[in-house]
Amino acid sequence: MEEVERGGKGCRGSGAEGWSSGAKSSKNKRRKSEEKENDVESEQKRNEDSEEGLIPLNSWAQLLAERGGDPCGSGGSGDQAVVWRAETFRLLPRPEQEEFLWRVGDAVAKLINMENYRRRQRFFEGKGIDYSWKSAWERRETEYVEIYKLLGSVNFHETCRAVSEQWKGFVELLKAKKEGRLEPWQSVRPPGYRKRGGERLPIIYVRFDNYEFDLERKVLRLKYWNVEIPFAGKPRWLTMPGAEQGPLNHRVRSREEALVRSC
């Protein structure tokens, strides 16, 4: 606008430049509008194609922001959702360690699937929504006793919390749907199962105080199992002053590609 005004004062060159800039600005606005429409269509297609419907935690954070919350945890008023920065490393386990990780990861996936099945049945039978971690924890010495022994108390508890967070997000999305805060095409479905191609997808949850990285030796130590696993990758956030260690997620994409994420 400054160049257009200068053009109006008799500076022909600046005026031409200003109008050219305005034309570009108009094109940029149209392009951004088209990109936004494409983004909406892409999001709609992803939601329609997804077996799980909306992603609970991402959508939950968005809803917190819309109702005056502070999803970045920056000290604002209202509900807050803390956003963690994540480190991603590649594990380099020995053959026996790899088999151990697969066994633990499969047990965690089995626990998640069993809990989600129980909670889904309860929901579809009209008995309400169970979003508490305690209901899974109370079964640690009965239905889940073998998994409990394998994971240990703190890591079993961390898995129960992960299941609980999924169902809390589902409750928030149902509420948002009822209040008309979701788009008509956005479907809300209860958390599903960790499966792909008929097989369970291994995952491991480790509580923040139950592991440590030795950055000099380049090993990850899992305390409960007393296992040290070499890793590759350079940390970005763990070495920063004041950095706090969050929970550890280990996802195995294939037997040749093991990734570990520290939040």
C-alpha atoms as a PDB file:
ATOM      1  CA  MET A   1       0.000   0.000   0.000  1.00  0.00           C
ATOM      2  CA  GLU A   2       2.857   2.404   0.641  1.00  0.00           C
ATOM      3  CA  GLU A   3       4.102   2.055  -2.949  1.00  0.00           C
ATOM      4  CA  VAL A   4       0.603   2.566  -4.371  1.00  0.00           C
ATOM      5  CA  GLU A   5       0.244   5.789  -2.396  1.00  0.00           C
ATOM      6  CA  ARG A   6       3.590   7.033  -3.634  1.00  0.00           C
ATOM      7  CA  GLY A   7       2.462   6.291  -7.170  1.00  0.00           C
ATOM      8  CA  GLY A   8      -0.620   8.442  -6.619  1.00  0.00           C
ATOM      9  CA  LYS A   9       1.641  11.348  -5.764  1.00  0.00           C
ATOM     10  CA  GLY A  10       3.186  11.436  -9.234  1.00  0.00           C
ATOM     11  CA  CYS A  11       5.929   8.791  -9.054  1.00  0.00           C
ATOM     12  CA  ARG A  12       4.974   6.786 -12.114  1.00  0.00           C
ATOM     13  CA  GLY A  13       7.630   4.175 -11.675  1.00  0.00           C
ATOM     14  CA  SER A  14       6.641   3.572  -8.080  1.00  0.00           C
ATOM     15  CA  GLY A  15       2.994   3.523  -9.103  1.00  0.00           C
ATOM     16  CA  ALA A  16       3.611   0.816 -11.667  1.00  0.00           C
ATOM     17  CA  GLU A  17       5.645  -1.109  -9.149  1.00  0.00           C
ATOM     18  CA  GLY A  18       2.897  -0.724  -6.587  1.00  0.00           C
ATOM     19  CA  TRP A  19       0.201  -2.029  -8.885  1.00  0.00           C
ATOM     20  CA  SER A  20       2.376  -4.928  -9.866  1.00  0.00           C
ATOM     21  CA  SER A  21       2.818  -5.750  -6.195  1.00  0.00           C
ATOM     22  CA  GLY A  22      -0.931  -5.497  -5.697  1.00  0.00           C
ATOM     23  CA  ALA A  23      -1.532  -7.927  -8.528  1.00  0.00           C
ATOM     24  CA  LYS A  24       0.877 -10.371  -6.992  1.00  0.00           C
ATOM     25  CA  SER A  25      -0.827  -9.954  -3.625  1.00  0.00           C
ATOM     26  CA  SER A  26      -4.197 -10.726  -5.203  1.00  0.00           C
ATOM     27  CA  LYS A  27      -2.771 -13.834  -6.860  1.00  0.00           C
ATOM     28  CA  ASN A  28      -1.214 -14.901  -3.573  1.00  0.00           C
ATOM     29  CA  LYS A  29      -4.564 -14.544  -1.816  1.00  0.00           C
ATOM     30  CA  ARG A  30      -6.279 -16.665  -4.474  1.00  0.00           C
ATOM     31  CA  ARG A  31      -3.524 -19.250  -4.288  1.00  0.00           C
ATOM     32  CA  LYS A  32      -3.718 -19.410  -0.482  1.00  0.00           C
ATOM     33  CA  SER A  33      -7.513 -19.749  -0.699  1.00  0.00           C
ATOM     34  CA  GLU A  34      -7.155 -22.625  -3.168  1.00  0.00           C
ATOM     35  CA  GLU A  35      -4.510 -24.284  -0.959  1.00  0.00           C
ATOM     36  CA  LYS A  36      -6.810 -23.986   2.047  1.00  0.00           C
ATOM     37  CA  GLU A  37      -9.655 -25.619   0.123  1.00  0.00           C
ATOM     38  CA  ASN A  38      -7.312 -28.398  -0.993  1.00  0.00           C
ATOM     39  CA  ASP A  39      -6.154 -28.892   2.603  1.00  0.00           C
ATOM     40  CA  VAL A  40      -9.763 -29.219   3.769  1.00  0.00           C
ATOM     41  CA  GLU A  41     -10.505 -31.741   1.004  1.00  0.00           C
ATOM     42  CA  SER A  42      -7.354 -33.706   1.839  1.00  0.00           C
ATOM     43  CA  GLU A  43      -8.210 -33.734   5.547  1.00  0.00           C
ATOM     44  CA  GLN A  44     -11.731 -34.878   4.736  1.00  0.00           C
ATOM     45  CA  LYS A  45     -10.403 -37.709   2.559  1.00  0.00           C
ATOM     46  CA  ARG A  46      -7.894 -38.771   5.236  1.00  0.00           C
ATOM     47  CA  ASN A  47     -10.693 -38.869   7.784  1.00  0.00           C
ATOM     48  CA  GLU A  48     -12.967 -40.883   5.503  1.00  0.00           C
ATOM     49  CA  ASP A  49     -10.186 -43.346   4.683  1.00  0.00           C
ATOM     50  CA  SER A  50      -9.051 -43.746   8.298  1.00  0.00           C
ATOM     51  CA  GLU A  51     -10.406 -46.696  10.231  1.00  0.00           C
ATOM     52  CA  GLU A  52     -10.069 -44.688  13.421  1.00  0.00           C
ATOM     53  CA  GLY A  53     -11.819 -41.515  12.303  1.00  0.00           C
ATOM     54  CA  LEU A  54     -10.306 -38.405  13.875  1.00  0.00           C
ATOM     55  CA  ILE A  55      -6.978 -38.598  15.667  1.00  0.00           C
ATOM     56  CA  PRO A  56      -8.044 -38.021  19.298  1.00  0.00           C
ATOM     57  CA  LEU A  57      -5.039 -36.226  20.791  1.00  0.00           C
ATOM     58  CA  ASN A  58      -4.427 -33.843  17.877  1.00  0.00           C
ATOM     59  CA  SER A  59      -8.101 -32.936  17.637  1.00  0.00           C
ATOM     60  CA  TRP A  60      -8.341 -32.595  21.403  1.00  0.00           C
ATOM     61  CA  ALA A  61      -5.516 -30.045  21.443  1.00  0.00           C
ATOM     62  CA  GLN A  62      -7.230 -28.109  18.656  1.00  0.00           C
ATOM     63  CA  LEU A  63     -10.491 -28.045  20.617  1.00  0.00           C
ATOM     64  CA  LEU A  64      -8.692 -26.758  23.716  1.00  0.00           C
ATOM     65  CA  ALA A  65      -7.328 -23.849  21.712  1.00  0.00           C
ATOM     66  CA  GLU A  66     -10.740 -23.026  20.238  1.00  0.00           C
ATOM     67  CA  ARG A  67     -12.406 -22.766  23.636  1.00  0.00           C
ATOM     68  CA  GLY A  68      -9.795 -20.441  25.087  1.00  0.00           C
ATOM     69  CA  GLY A  69      -7.366 -22.983  26.438  1.00  0.00           C
ATOM     70  CA  ASP A  70      -3.612 -22.896  26.102  1.00  0.00           C
ATOM     71  CA  PRO A  71      -2.412 -25.924  24.114  1.00  0.00           C
ATOM     72  CA  CYS A  72       1.208 -24.780  24.323  1.00  0.00           C
ATOM     73  CA  GLY A  73       1.178 -24.677  28.115  1.00  0.00           C
ATOM     74  CA  SER A  74       2.488 -21.122  28.118  1.00  0.00           C
ATOM     75  CA  GLY A  75       0.727 -20.067  31.264  1.00  0.00           C
ATOM     76  CA  GLY A  76      -2.589 -18.885  29.822  1.00  0.00           C
ATOM     77  CA  SER A  77      -5.949 -19.391  31.470  1.00  0.00           C
ATOM     78  CA  GLY A  78      -8.248 -22.341  30.854  1.00  0.00           C
ATOM     79  CA  ASP A  79      -7.396 -25.961  30.068  1.00  0.00           C
ATOM     80  CA  GLN A  80      -3.846 -26.653  29.042  1.00  0.00           C
ATOM     81  CA  ALA A  81      -2.209 -29.347  26.945  1.00  0.00           C
ATOM     82  CA  VAL A  82       1.555 -29.534  27.219  1.00  0.00           C
ATOM     83  CA  VAL A  83       3.376 -29.875  23.913  1.00  0.00           C
ATOM     84  CA  TRP A  84       6.559 -31.930  24.134  1.00  0.00           C
ATOM     85  CA  ARG A  85       9.493 -31.795  21.765  1.00  0.00           C
ATOM     86  CA  ALA A  86      10.552 -35.256  20.627  1.00  0.00           C
ATOM     87  CA  GLU A  87      13.897 -36.879  19.998  1.00  0.00           C
ATOM     88  CA  THR A  88      14.041 -39.770  17.543  1.00  0.00           C
ATOM     89  CA  PHE A  89      16.828 -42.325  17.585  1.00  0.00           C
ATOM     90  CA  ARG A  90      17.497 -45.562  15.729  1.00  0.00           C
ATOM     91  CA  LEU A  91      18.159 -48.537  17.965  1.00  0.00           C
ATOM     92  CA  LEU A  92      20.928 -50.951  17.021  1.00  0.00           C
ATOM     93  CA  PRO A  93      20.070 -54.024  19.114  1.00  0.00           C
ATOM     94  CA  ARG A  94      21.895 -57.317  19.080  1.00  0.00           C
ATOM     95  CA  PRO A  95      19.811 -60.292  17.839  1.00  0.00           C
ATOM     96  CA  GLU A  96      18.836 -61.383  21.379  1.00  0.00           C
ATOM     97  CA  GLN A  97      17.924 -57.790  22.294  1.00  0.00           C
ATOM     98  CA  GLU A  98      15.819 -57.459  19.159  1.00  0.00           C
ATOM     99  CA  GLU A  99      13.833 -60.561  20.071  1.00  0.00           C
ATOM    100  CA  PHE A 100      13.357 -59.198  23.585  1.00  0.00           C
ATOM    101  CA  LEU A 101      12.059 -55.853  22.276  1.00  0.00           C
ATOM    102  CA  TRP A 102       9.640 -57.618  19.965  1.00  0.00           C
ATOM    103  CA  ARG A 103       8.348 -59.752  22.832  1.00  0.00           C
ATOM    104  CA  VAL A 104       7.781 -56.736  25.080  1.00  0.00           C
ATOM    105  CA  GLY A 105       6.315 -54.632  22.263  1.00  0.00           C
ATOM    106  CA  ASP A 106       3.892 -57.387  21.294  1.00  0.00           C
ATOM    107  CA  ALA A 107       2.783 -57.726  24.918  1.00  0.00           C
ATOM    108  CA  VAL A 108       2.066 -53.989  25.121  1.00  0.00           C
ATOM    109  CA  ALA A 109       0.100 -54.098  21.861  1.00  0.00           C
ATOM    110  CA  LYS A 110      -1.864 -57.069  23.200  1.00  0.00           C
ATOM    111  CA  LEU A 111      -2.695 -55.144  26.394  1.00  0.00           C
ATOM    112  CA  ILE A 112      -3.861 -52.109  24.402  1.00  0.00           C
ATOM    113  CA  ASN A 113      -6.010 -54.264  22.108  1.00  0.00           C
ATOM    114  CA  MET A 114      -7.591 -56.170  24.999  1.00  0.00           C
ATOM    115  CA  GLU A 115      -8.388 -52.978  26.869  1.00  0.00           C
ATOM    116  CA  ASN A 116      -9.783 -51.248  23.803  1.00  0.00           C
ATOM    117  CA  TYR A 117     -11.928 -54.307  23.026  1.00  0.00           C
ATOM    118  CA  ARG A 118     -13.344 -54.308  26.568  1.00  0.00           C
ATOM    119  CA  ARG A 119     -14.031 -50.573  26.472  1.00  0.00           C
ATOM    120  CA  ARG A 120     -15.519 -50.663  22.969  1.00  0.00           C
ATOM    121  CA  GLN A 121     -17.901 -53.453  23.970  1.00  0.00           C
ATOM    122  CA  ARG A 122     -18.943 -51.454  27.005  1.00  0.00           C
ATOM    123  CA  PHE A 123     -19.536 -48.368  24.846  1.00  0.00           C
ATOM    124  CA  PHE A 124     -21.523 -50.184  22.128  1.00  0.00           C
ATOM    125  CA  GLU A 125     -23.667 -51.917  24.760  1.00  0.00           C
ATOM    126  CA  GLY A 126     -24.673 -48.506  26.102  1.00  0.00           C
ATOM    127  CA  LYS A 127     -22.897 -48.918  29.449  1.00  0.00           C
ATOM    128  CA  GLY A 128     -20.977 -45.663  29.193  1.00  0.00           C
ATOM    129  CA  ILE A 129     -17.398 -44.751  28.361  1.00  0.00           C
ATOM    130  CA  ASP A 130     -14.530 -46.013  30.478  1.00  0.00           C
ATOM    131  CA  TYR A 131     -11.680 -43.498  30.197  1.00  0.00           C
ATOM    132  CA  SER A 132      -9.929 -44.242  33.485  1.00  0.00           C
ATOM    133  CA  TRP A 133      -6.475 -45.813  33.689  1.00  0.00           C
ATOM    134  CA  LYS A 134      -7.487 -47.473  36.966  1.00  0.00           C
ATOM    135  CA  SER A 135      -9.830 -50.005  35.369  1.00  0.00           C
ATOM    136  CA  ALA A 136      -6.900 -51.484  33.432  1.00  0.00           C
ATOM    137  CA  TRP A 137      -4.555 -51.207  36.420  1.00  0.00           C
ATOM    138  CA  GLU A 138      -6.985 -53.146  38.633  1.00  0.00           C
ATOM    139  CA  ARG A 139      -6.713 -56.122  36.266  1.00  0.00           C
ATOM    140  CA  ARG A 140      -2.926 -56.339  36.553  1.00  0.00           C
ATOM    141  CA  GLU A 141      -3.050 -59.400  38.827  1.00  0.00           C
ATOM    142  CA  THR A 142      -5.890 -61.182  37.032  1.00  0.00           C
ATOM    143  CA  GLU A 143      -6.411 -60.957  33.250  1.00  0.00           C
ATOM    144  CA  TYR A 144      -3.138 -59.129  32.596  1.00  0.00           C
ATOM    145  CA  VAL A 145      -0.875 -60.778  35.157  1.00  0.00           C
ATOM    146  CA  GLU A 146       1.644 -62.164  32.609  1.00  0.00           C
ATOM    147  CA  ILE A 147       1.895 -58.820  30.822  1.00  0.00           C
ATOM    148  CA  TYR A 148       2.253 -57.069  34.183  1.00  0.00           C
ATOM    149  CA  LYS A 149       5.184 -59.289  35.149  1.00  0.00           C
ATOM    150  CA  LEU A 150       6.896 -58.683  31.815  1.00  0.00           C
ATOM    151  CA  LEU A 151       6.480 -54.892  31.801  1.00  0.00           C
ATOM    152  CA  GLY A 152       6.940 -54.183  35.478  1.00  0.00           C
ATOM    153  CA  SER A 153       4.753 -51.925  37.587  1.00  0.00           C
ATOM    154  CA  VAL A 154       5.798 -48.484  36.261  1.00  0.00           C
ATOM    155  CA  ASN A 155       5.751 -49.412  32.572  1.00  0.00           C
ATOM    156  CA  PHE A 156       2.451 -51.274  32.881  1.00  0.00           C
ATOM    157  CA  HIS A 157       1.055 -48.157  34.529  1.00  0.00           C
ATOM    158  CA  GLU A 158       2.405 -45.970  31.705  1.00  0.00           C
ATOM    159  CA  THR A 159       0.607 -48.157  29.159  1.00  0.00           C
ATOM    160  CA  CYS A 160      -2.641 -47.866  31.141  1.00  0.00           C
ATOM    161  CA  ARG A 161      -2.263 -44.087  31.029  1.00  0.00           C
ATOM    162  CA  ALA A 162      -1.735 -44.167  27.251  1.00  0.00           C
ATOM    163  CA  VAL A 163      -4.982 -46.110  26.797  1.00  0.00           C
ATOM    164  CA  SER A 164      -6.767 -43.680  29.100  1.00  0.00           C
ATOM    165  CA  GLU A 165      -5.595 -40.672  27.075  1.00  0.00           C
ATOM    166  CA  GLN A 166      -7.031 -42.170  23.901  1.00  0.00           C
ATOM    167  CA  TRP A 167     -10.457 -42.560  25.489  1.00  0.00           C
ATOM    168  CA  LYS A 168     -10.376 -39.125  27.080  1.00  0.00           C
ATOM    169  CA  GLY A 169      -9.761 -37.693  23.627  1.00  0.00           C
ATOM    170  CA  PHE A 170     -12.727 -39.712  22.323  1.00  0.00           C
ATOM    171  CA  VAL A 171     -14.987 -38.233  25.022  1.00  0.00           C
ATOM    172  CA  GLU A 172     -13.900 -34.692  24.127  1.00  0.00           C
ATOM    173  CA  LEU A 173     -14.545 -35.298  20.440  1.00  0.00           C
ATOM    174  CA  LEU A 174     -18.033 -36.658  21.119  1.00  0.00           C
ATOM    175  CA  LYS A 175     -18.773 -33.552  23.140  1.00  0.00           C
ATOM    176  CA  ALA A 176     -17.472 -31.313  20.372  1.00  0.00           C
ATOM    177  CA  LYS A 177     -19.593 -33.191  17.810  1.00  0.00           C
ATOM    178  CA  LYS A 178     -22.701 -32.714  19.941  1.00  0.00           C
ATOM    179  CA  GLU A 179     -21.991 -28.993  20.311  1.00  0.00           C
ATOM    180  CA  GLY A 180     -21.495 -28.583  16.566  1.00  0.00           C
ATOM    181  CA  ARG A 181     -17.794 -27.721  16.792  1.00  0.00           C
ATOM    182  CA  LEU A 182     -16.785 -30.325  14.198  1.00  0.00           C
ATOM    183  CA  GLU A 183     -17.352 -30.278  10.471  1.00  0.00           C
ATOM    184  CA  PRO A 184     -20.296 -32.400   9.229  1.00  0.00           C
ATOM    185  CA  TRP A 185     -17.949 -34.790   7.421  1.00  0.00           C
ATOM    186  CA  GLN A 186     -15.774 -35.369  10.498  1.00  0.00           C
ATOM    187  CA  SER A 187     -16.712 -38.716  12.014  1.00  0.00           C
ATOM    188  CA  VAL A 188     -15.833 -39.676  15.573  1.00  0.00           C
ATOM    189  CA  ARG A 189     -15.011 -43.284  16.339  1.00  0.00           C
ATOM    190  CA  PRO A 190     -13.771 -45.009  19.495  1.00  0.00           C
ATOM    191  CA  PRO A 191     -10.091 -45.996  19.691  1.00  0.00           C
ATOM    192  CA  GLY A 192      -9.324 -49.113  17.684  1.00  0.00           C
ATOM    193  CA  TYR A 193      -6.683 -51.820  17.696  1.00  0.00           C
ATOM    194  CA  ARG A 194      -2.950 -51.865  17.066  1.00  0.00           C
ATOM    195  CA  LYS A 195      -3.092 -54.187  14.087  1.00  0.00           C
ATOM    196  CA  ARG A 196      -1.975 -54.162  10.483  1.00  0.00           C
ATOM    197  CA  GLY A 197      -2.511 -56.963   8.019  1.00  0.00           C
ATOM    198  CA  GLY A 198      -4.008 -59.131  10.757  1.00  0.00           C
ATOM    199  CA  GLU A 199      -0.918 -58.858  12.996  1.00  0.00           C
ATOM    200  CA  ARG A 200      -0.312 -56.803  16.117  1.00  0.00           C
ATOM    201  CA  LEU A 201       1.888 -53.705  15.833  1.00  0.00           C
ATOM    202  CA  PRO A 202       4.490 -53.772  18.620  1.00  0.00           C
ATOM    203  CA  ILE A 203       4.971 -50.661  20.743  1.00  0.00           C
ATOM    204  CA  ILE A 204       6.651 -50.060  24.111  1.00  0.00           C
ATOM    205  CA  TYR A 205       5.852 -47.345  26.659  1.00  0.00           C
ATOM    206  CA  VAL A 206       8.527 -46.594  29.262  1.00  0.00           C
ATOM    207  CA  ARG A 207       7.947 -44.131  32.091  1.00  0.00           C
ATOM    208  CA  PHE A 208      10.122 -41.009  32.151  1.00  0.00           C
ATOM    209  CA  ASP A 209      12.146 -42.166  35.175  1.00  0.00           C
ATOM    210  CA  ASN A 210      12.639 -45.741  33.979  1.00  0.00           C
ATOM    211  CA  TYR A 211      15.195 -45.155  31.234  1.00  0.00           C
ATOM    212  CA  GLU A 212      18.267 -43.051  30.558  1.00  0.00           C
ATOM    213  CA  PHE A 213      20.476 -42.159  27.621  1.00  0.00           C
ATOM    214  CA  ASP A 214      24.239 -42.399  27.945  1.00  0.00           C
ATOM    215  CA  LEU A 215      25.204 -39.902  25.263  1.00  0.00           C
ATOM    216  CA  GLU A 216      28.928 -40.598  25.596  1.00  0.00           C
ATOM    217  CA  ARG A 217      28.622 -44.359  25.169  1.00  0.00           C
ATOM    218  CA  LYS A 218      25.631 -43.993  22.796  1.00  0.00           C
ATOM    219  CA  VAL A 219      23.488 -46.527  24.636  1.00  0.00           C
ATOM    220  CA  LEU A 220      19.913 -46.493  25.901  1.00  0.00           C
ATOM    221  CA  ARG A 221      19.477 -48.095  29.310  1.00  0.00           C
ATOM    222  CA  LEU A 222      16.089 -49.589  30.165  1.00  0.00           C
ATOM    223  CA  LYS A 223      16.194 -49.763  33.948  1.00  0.00           C
ATOM    224  CA  TYR A 224      13.523 -52.319  34.784  1.00  0.00           C
ATOM    225  CA  TRP A 225      14.942 -54.867  32.350  1.00  0.00           C
ATOM    226  CA  ASN A 226      18.568 -53.864  33.026  1.00  0.00           C
ATOM    227  CA  VAL A 227      19.251 -53.748  29.286  1.00  0.00           C
ATOM    228  CA  GLU A 228      21.621 -51.420  27.434  1.00  0.00           C
ATOM    229  CA  ILE A 229      20.926 -50.997  23.722  1.00  0.00           C
ATOM    230  CA  PRO A 230      23.218 -49.069  21.334  1.00  0.00           C
ATOM    231  CA  PHE A 231      21.567 -46.317  19.322  1.00  0.00           C
ATOM    232  CA  ALA A 232      22.345 -44.013  16.422  1.00  0.00           C
ATOM    233  CA  GLY A 233      21.292 -40.391  16.172  1.00  0.00           C
ATOM    234  CA  LYS A 234      22.223 -37.016  17.568  1.00  0.00           C
ATOM    235  CA  PRO A 235      20.026 -35.469  20.290  1.00  0.00           C
ATOM    236  CA  ARG A 236      18.724 -31.928  19.756  1.00  0.00           C
ATOM    237  CA  TRP A 237      16.736 -31.256  22.915  1.00  0.00           C
ATOM    238  CA  LEU A 238      18.053 -33.562  25.638  1.00  0.00           C
ATOM    239  CA  THR A 239      21.281 -31.582  25.889  1.00  0.00           C
ATOM    240  CA  MET A 240      19.574 -28.195  26.235  1.00  0.00           C
ATOM    241  CA  PRO A 241      19.585 -26.496  29.670  1.00  0.00           C
ATOM    242  CA  GLY A 242      16.429 -27.154  31.617  1.00  0.00           C
ATOM    243  CA  ALA A 243      15.292 -30.009  29.366  1.00  0.00           C
ATOM    244  CA  GLU A 244      12.996 -32.486  31.116  1.00  0.00           C
ATOM    245  CA  GLN A 245      12.837 -36.137  30.162  1.00  0.00           C
ATOM    246  CA  GLY A 246       9.389 -37.368  29.150  1.00  0.00           C
ATOM    247  CA  PRO A 247       7.967 -40.832  28.493  1.00  0.00           C
ATOM    248  CA  LEU A 248       9.684 -43.106  26.001  1.00  0.00           C
ATOM    249  CA  ASN A 249       7.856 -44.691  23.056  1.00  0.00           C
ATOM    250  CA  HIS A 250       9.454 -47.484  21.073  1.00  0.00           C
ATOM    251  CA  ARG A 251       7.796 -48.341  17.760  1.00  0.00           C
ATOM    252  CA  VAL A 252       9.096 -51.162  15.586  1.00  0.00           C
ATOM    253  CA  ARG A 253       8.336 -50.556  11.902  1.00  0.00           C
ATOM    254  CA  SER A 254      10.078 -53.693  10.735  1.00  0.00           C
ATOM    255  CA  ARG A 255      12.705 -56.054  12.075  1.00  0.00           C
ATOM    256  CA  GLU A 256      15.284 -54.117  10.085  1.00  0.00           C
ATOM    257  CA  GLU A 257      14.122 -50.687  11.275  1.00  0.00           C
ATOM    258  CA  ALA A 258      13.730 -50.078  15.000  1.00  0.00           C
ATOM    259  CA  LEU A 259      13.009 -46.519  16.104  1.00  0.00           C
ATOM    260  CA  VAL A 260      12.781 -45.099  19.593  1.00  0.00           C
ATOM    261  CA  ARG A 261      11.214 -41.754  20.491  1.00  0.00           C
ATOM    262  CA  SER A 262      11.837 -39.751  23.640  1.00  0.00           C
ATOM    263  CA  CYS A 263       9.394 -36.940  24.338  1.00  0.00           C
END
